[in-house]
Protein backbone atom coordinates (compact mmCIF):
# COMPACT_ATOMS: atom_id res chain seq x y z
CA LEU A 1 96.64 92.77 102.06
CA GLU A 2 92.93 92.68 101.40
CA TYR A 3 90.94 94.99 99.17
CA ASP A 4 87.24 95.65 98.93
CA PRO A 5 85.98 95.09 95.43
CA LEU A 6 85.51 98.07 93.36
CA PRO A 7 81.83 99.27 93.10
CA PRO A 8 79.74 97.61 90.15
CA GLN A 9 80.52 100.67 87.94
CA LYS A 10 84.14 99.75 88.09
CA THR A 11 84.45 99.76 84.23
CA LYS A 12 84.21 103.65 84.40
CA PHE A 13 87.65 103.79 86.04
CA THR A 14 90.27 104.52 83.47
CA ASP A 15 93.42 105.29 85.41
CA LEU A 16 95.10 104.71 88.94
CA CYS A 17 97.41 107.40 90.12
CA VAL A 18 99.83 106.06 92.75
CA MET A 19 101.61 108.89 94.53
CA VAL A 20 104.84 107.95 96.44
CA LEU A 21 105.53 110.91 98.68
CA ASP A 22 108.65 111.56 100.63
CA LYS A 23 108.32 112.16 104.34
CA SER A 24 111.87 112.24 105.47
CA GLY A 25 113.02 114.73 108.03
CA SER A 26 114.01 117.30 105.58
CA MET A 27 110.39 117.44 104.38
CA ASP A 28 109.44 118.90 107.76
CA LEU A 29 110.44 122.39 106.63
CA VAL A 30 107.68 122.17 103.96
CA ARG A 31 105.16 120.04 105.82
CA ASN A 32 102.29 122.39 105.77
CA ASP A 33 102.96 123.39 102.13
CA THR A 34 103.18 119.73 101.02
CA ILE A 35 99.87 118.93 102.68
CA GLY A 36 98.18 121.86 101.23
CA GLY A 37 99.79 120.96 97.79
CA VAL A 38 98.53 117.44 98.00
CA ASN A 39 94.98 118.56 98.80
CA ALA A 40 94.97 121.05 95.93
CA PHE A 41 96.10 118.23 93.67
CA LEU A 42 93.29 116.07 94.86
CA ASP A 43 90.82 118.80 94.38
CA LYS A 44 92.02 119.29 90.66
CA GLN A 45 91.77 115.58 90.16
CA LYS A 46 88.12 115.53 91.30
CA GLU A 47 87.38 118.37 89.02
CA GLY A 48 88.92 116.17 86.23
CA GLY A 49 86.18 113.52 86.36
CA ASP A 50 85.16 110.58 88.53
CA ASP A 51 87.09 107.87 86.56
CA LEU A 52 90.23 107.91 88.42
CA LEU A 53 91.40 105.79 91.45
CA PHE A 54 94.08 107.06 93.89
CA THR A 55 96.77 105.43 96.21
CA LEU A 56 99.01 107.53 98.45
CA ILE A 57 102.09 105.94 99.87
CA THR A 58 104.47 108.05 102.22
CA PHE A 59 108.03 106.93 103.09
CA ASN A 60 110.99 107.81 105.10
CA ILE A 61 113.12 104.72 106.18
CA ARG A 62 109.91 102.65 105.51
CA ALA A 63 106.92 102.90 103.20
CA GLU A 64 103.37 103.07 104.41
CA THR A 65 100.14 103.12 102.42
CA VAL A 66 97.94 105.98 103.62
CA MET A 67 95.12 105.75 101.03
CA ARG A 68 94.63 102.56 99.04
CA VAL A 69 92.95 102.58 95.61
CA ILE A 70 90.11 104.87 96.43
CA PRO A 71 87.74 106.49 93.79
CA ILE A 72 88.91 110.00 93.46
CA THR A 73 85.58 111.25 94.51
CA ASP A 74 85.79 109.60 97.85
CA VAL A 75 89.34 110.52 98.78
CA PRO A 76 89.54 112.23 102.19
CA LYS A 77 91.63 115.27 102.96
CA PHE A 78 95.38 114.71 103.61
CA THR A 79 96.14 115.89 107.05
CA ARG A 80 99.12 116.57 109.51
CA ASP A 81 97.90 113.25 111.24
CA ASN A 82 98.86 111.53 107.90
CA TYR A 83 102.14 113.28 107.42
CA VAL A 84 104.87 113.49 110.12
CA PRO A 85 108.28 113.87 108.43
CA ALA A 86 111.24 112.32 110.22
CA GLY A 87 114.16 110.04 109.32
CA GLY A 88 116.07 109.10 106.33
CA THR A 89 115.16 108.62 102.66
CA ALA A 90 114.65 104.91 101.65
CA LEU A 91 113.82 105.70 98.09
CA PHE A 92 114.58 102.37 96.42
CA ASP A 93 112.60 100.57 99.09
CA ALA A 94 109.53 102.91 98.67
CA ILE A 95 109.70 102.47 94.83
CA GLU A 96 109.77 98.65 95.16
CA TYR A 97 107.01 98.71 97.70
CA ALA A 98 104.80 100.90 95.58
CA VAL A 99 105.20 98.65 92.54
CA ARG A 100 104.57 95.64 94.50
CA GLU A 101 101.61 97.05 96.15
CA THR A 102 100.18 98.27 92.84
CA GLU A 103 100.61 95.02 91.32
CA TYR A 104 98.63 93.25 93.95
CA ALA A 105 95.98 95.81 93.83
CA LEU A 106 95.53 95.49 89.97
CA VAL A 107 95.16 91.57 90.38
CA ALA A 108 92.97 91.90 93.45
CA LEU A 109 90.70 94.36 91.77
CA ASP A 110 90.60 92.43 88.47
CA THR A 111 91.20 95.54 86.26
CA LYS A 112 93.52 96.08 83.37
CA ILE A 113 94.23 99.81 84.21
CA LYS A 114 97.68 100.87 83.32
CA PRO A 115 98.67 103.02 86.43
CA THR A 116 100.68 106.21 86.79
CA LEU A 117 103.30 105.93 89.37
CA VAL A 118 104.46 109.51 90.63
CA VAL A 119 107.48 109.59 93.01
CA VAL A 120 108.00 112.90 94.96
CA SER A 121 111.19 113.32 96.82
CA ASP A 122 113.38 116.20 97.87
CA GLY A 123 116.51 114.30 97.89
CA GLU A 124 118.23 110.94 96.81
CA GLU A 125 118.38 107.50 98.09
CA ASN A 126 120.24 107.07 101.51
CA SER A 127 118.40 104.61 103.70
CA SER A 128 117.18 101.43 101.79
CA LYS A 129 117.45 98.04 102.99
CA LEU A 130 117.92 97.18 99.12
CA SER A 131 121.11 99.16 99.20
CA THR A 132 122.40 97.49 102.35
CA GLU A 133 121.64 93.90 101.08
CA LEU A 134 122.57 94.24 97.50
CA GLY A 135 124.98 97.27 97.51
CA GLY A 136 124.31 100.56 96.02
CA GLU A 137 125.01 99.87 92.33
CA ARG A 138 123.11 96.39 92.28
CA ALA A 139 120.18 98.06 94.15
CA LEU A 140 120.12 100.93 91.53
CA LYS A 141 120.00 98.40 88.82
CA HIS A 142 117.31 96.43 90.41
CA ILE A 143 115.05 99.57 90.56
CA ARG A 144 116.03 100.53 86.87
CA ASP A 145 115.08 96.98 85.59
CA LEU A 146 111.85 96.92 87.68
CA LEU A 147 110.79 100.27 86.30
CA LYS A 148 111.78 99.15 82.61
CA ARG A 149 109.47 96.19 83.11
CA LYS A 150 106.54 98.31 84.41
CA GLN A 151 106.89 100.59 81.58
CA GLU A 152 106.89 97.81 79.13
CA ASP A 153 103.66 96.66 80.75
CA GLY A 154 102.17 100.06 79.98
CA TRP A 155 102.76 101.99 83.17
CA THR A 156 103.61 105.67 83.35
CA VAL A 157 106.44 106.30 85.83
CA VAL A 158 107.04 109.95 86.91
CA TYR A 159 109.69 111.54 89.18
CA LEU A 160 109.71 114.90 90.83
CA ASN A 161 112.86 115.91 92.76
CA SER A 162 114.28 119.14 94.17
CA ASP A 163 117.82 118.06 94.31
CA ASP A 164 120.22 119.61 91.73
CA ALA A 165 121.01 116.12 90.47
CA GLY A 166 117.43 115.08 90.21
CA PHE A 167 117.43 114.57 86.40
CA SER A 168 120.56 112.43 86.41
CA ALA A 169 119.31 110.51 89.51
CA GLY A 170 115.99 109.86 87.75
CA ALA A 171 117.61 108.75 84.66
CA SER A 172 119.72 106.42 86.57
CA MET A 173 116.60 104.81 88.00
CA GLY A 174 114.96 104.60 84.78
CA PHE A 175 112.75 107.64 84.71
CA SER A 176 112.40 109.44 81.27
CA PRO A 177 113.53 113.10 81.22
CA HIS A 178 110.09 113.80 79.77
CA ASN A 179 108.60 112.34 82.94
CA THR A 180 110.97 114.05 85.32
CA TYR A 181 110.40 117.44 86.89
CA HIS A 182 112.77 119.59 89.03
CA TYR A 183 111.06 121.61 91.52
CA ALA A 184 111.85 124.27 94.05
CA ALA A 185 111.42 123.06 97.52
CA ALA A 186 110.09 126.41 98.72
CA ASP A 187 107.25 126.20 96.25
CA MET A 188 105.53 122.85 97.00
CA VAL A 189 101.98 124.32 96.31
CA GLY A 190 103.25 125.26 92.73
CA THR A 191 104.78 121.94 92.29
CA PHE A 192 101.58 120.11 93.06
CA ALA A 193 99.81 122.44 90.65
CA VAL A 194 102.05 121.62 87.81
CA MET A 195 101.56 117.88 88.57
CA ALA A 196 97.84 118.35 88.92
CA SER A 197 97.70 119.82 85.40
CA ALA A 198 99.89 117.21 83.98
CA ASN A 199 97.96 114.42 85.42
CA ASN A 200 94.70 115.74 84.20
CA ALA A 201 96.07 116.13 80.71
CA HIS A 202 97.34 112.47 81.06
CA ARG A 203 93.91 111.28 82.06
CA THR A 204 92.25 113.06 79.02
CA ALA A 205 94.90 111.35 76.83
CA VAL A 206 94.02 107.80 78.36
CA ARG A 207 90.46 108.45 77.79
CA ASP A 208 91.06 109.44 74.11
CA GLY A 209 93.48 106.48 73.55
CA THR A 210 96.34 108.94 72.86
CA ALA A 211 98.34 108.67 76.01
CA VAL A 212 102.09 108.06 75.70
CA ALA A 213 104.10 106.75 78.62
CA ASP A 214 107.05 109.09 77.78
CA GLY A 215 105.44 112.45 77.80
CA TYR A 216 103.94 113.20 81.04
CA PHE A 217 105.06 116.80 81.48
CA PRO A 218 104.68 119.32 78.59
CA THR A 219 107.64 120.12 76.53
CA PRO A 220 108.84 123.65 77.25
């Protein structure tokens, strides 16, 4: 992969948000609401200042980078052309892909930003090559260990899931309960509104030097 260097004012960027968005077949029922929710999220991030970089990765049986490390003020609209749900949920593969993509970007861009990785999925892992190659339990441990290392490096890792077992599934992968959100699939716009508020609060904390990796969502 190749990256254009950041503009000369790169030191103004304080955070990188990497959204990993499920586009498996079940998401087709909420396709338009998901697109609208993502765009509303981006609008709120633009209102929150120009110090954010943004990456969008979508996944079904394979992961694909749709937007790569773009200054938030330059991020284009998310459209139906970008988002065509189909296929299974290779969640483990997508998380590993997103981590490796982000690691590479941080090195290529010569920045010490501590990114925020936000995974949004309406279901559980069912299609990853990692699971086929390693077996389900070993693949799960691989993801848990990977996310543990990234959190030790200062990353914030966040999981949004509409499955009833979302909190236990998130915990098994290494997501803190304070960074996990169970959403209603029928309210994607509301879900992204919650995430927008949480991310802007997190960005403010990063600027102030008060950010904590284990407290992305406000305590009820």
